[in-house]
Amino acid sequence: MQRHLREAGETDLAIVAADLRVYGNCECDGPTCHSFYTDEPPNGPYGEGHRNILLDREDGREGMIILDVVRGRIKFVEVLD
């Protein structure tokens, strides 16, 4: 994740990614979802300061990794398929 963030020009996020901790798993029960929270889940949408970052997969496998970032902090890591 850190390498992909650096390659995407997200140097600050690459630094904080080294210290991410799993707060809790996604509760959607989707068979292809392996997503997790790195902070307390929001009560509703993230709101102002929220953005998504799609990390490219270079290994040829299917699936997506999308980061939910709020004010410079990674709050949720979506791991799909």
Protein backbone atom coordinates (compact mmCIF):
# COMPACT_ATOMS: atom_id res chain seq x y z
CA MET A 1 0.00 0.00 0.00
CA GLN A 2 2.80 2.40 0.84
CA ARG A 3 4.50 1.92 -2.53
CA HIS A 4 1.24 2.45 -4.40
CA LEU A 5 0.53 5.61 -2.42
CA ARG A 6 3.99 7.01 -3.15
CA GLU A 7 3.57 6.21 -6.85
CA ALA A 8 0.23 8.04 -6.80
CA GLY A 9 1.92 11.12 -5.33
CA GLU A 10 0.37 10.56 -1.89
CA THR A 11 3.61 10.73 0.10
CA ASP A 12 1.99 11.90 3.35
CA LEU A 13 -0.51 9.05 3.27
CA ALA A 14 2.26 6.56 2.49
CA ILE A 15 3.97 7.60 5.72
CA VAL A 16 0.87 7.21 7.90
CA ALA A 17 -0.06 3.92 6.20
CA ALA A 18 2.85 2.26 7.99
CA ASP A 19 1.03 2.71 11.32
CA LEU A 20 -2.49 1.68 10.28
CA ARG A 21 -4.34 -0.58 12.66
CA VAL A 22 -7.51 -2.54 12.01
CA TYR A 23 -10.33 -1.02 14.04
CA GLY A 24 -12.97 -3.41 12.75
CA ASN A 25 -14.12 -5.35 9.73
CA CYS A 26 -16.78 -4.21 7.30
CA GLU A 27 -20.15 -5.59 8.34
CA CYS A 28 -21.69 -5.88 4.87
CA ASP A 29 -21.32 -9.69 4.74
CA GLY A 30 -20.61 -9.50 1.01
CA PRO A 31 -18.81 -12.62 -0.22
CA THR A 32 -16.16 -10.60 -2.07
CA CYS A 33 -15.69 -7.88 0.55
CA HIS A 34 -12.61 -8.00 2.76
CA SER A 35 -12.74 -4.34 3.78
CA PHE A 36 -11.86 -2.91 7.16
CA TYR A 37 -12.01 0.27 9.21
CA THR A 38 -8.85 1.88 10.53
CA ASP A 39 -10.80 4.19 12.82
CA GLU A 40 -14.25 4.30 14.36
CA PRO A 41 -16.92 3.98 11.62
CA PRO A 42 -18.84 7.18 10.89
CA ASN A 43 -22.48 7.62 11.81
CA GLY A 44 -23.59 8.36 8.24
CA PRO A 45 -21.40 9.70 5.42
CA TYR A 46 -17.88 10.95 6.09
CA GLY A 47 -18.80 14.45 4.95
CA GLU A 48 -16.49 17.36 4.33
CA GLY A 49 -12.84 16.52 3.75
CA HIS A 50 -13.59 13.02 2.42
CA ARG A 51 -12.02 11.64 -0.75
CA ASN A 52 -11.35 8.23 -2.29
CA ILE A 53 -8.07 6.91 -3.65
CA LEU A 54 -8.08 3.93 -5.99
CA LEU A 55 -4.85 1.96 -5.73
CA ASP A 56 -3.75 0.28 -8.96
CA ARG A 57 -3.13 -3.44 -8.95
CA GLU A 58 -0.12 -4.45 -10.98
CA ASP A 59 -0.24 -8.15 -10.28
CA GLY A 60 -2.87 -8.94 -12.91
CA ARG A 61 -5.41 -10.19 -10.38
CA GLU A 62 -8.97 -8.96 -10.27
CA GLY A 63 -10.23 -6.77 -7.48
CA MET A 64 -9.96 -3.26 -6.18
CA ILE A 65 -8.46 -1.47 -3.22
CA ILE A 66 -10.03 1.89 -2.49
CA LEU A 67 -9.05 4.08 0.43
CA ASP A 68 -11.50 6.40 2.17
CA VAL A 69 -9.44 9.35 3.37
CA VAL A 70 -10.76 12.10 5.62
CA ARG A 71 -8.62 15.17 6.27
CA GLY A 72 -5.39 13.32 5.56
CA ARG A 73 -6.20 10.15 7.53
CA ILE A 74 -7.04 6.74 6.07
CA LYS A 75 -10.34 5.76 7.69
CA PHE A 76 -11.47 2.76 5.65
CA VAL A 77 -9.76 0.32 3.30
CA GLU A 78 -12.11 -1.23 0.77
CA VAL A 79 -10.79 -4.56 -0.49
CA LEU A 80 -13.21 -5.93 -3.08
CA ASP A 81 -13.08 -9.16 -5.13
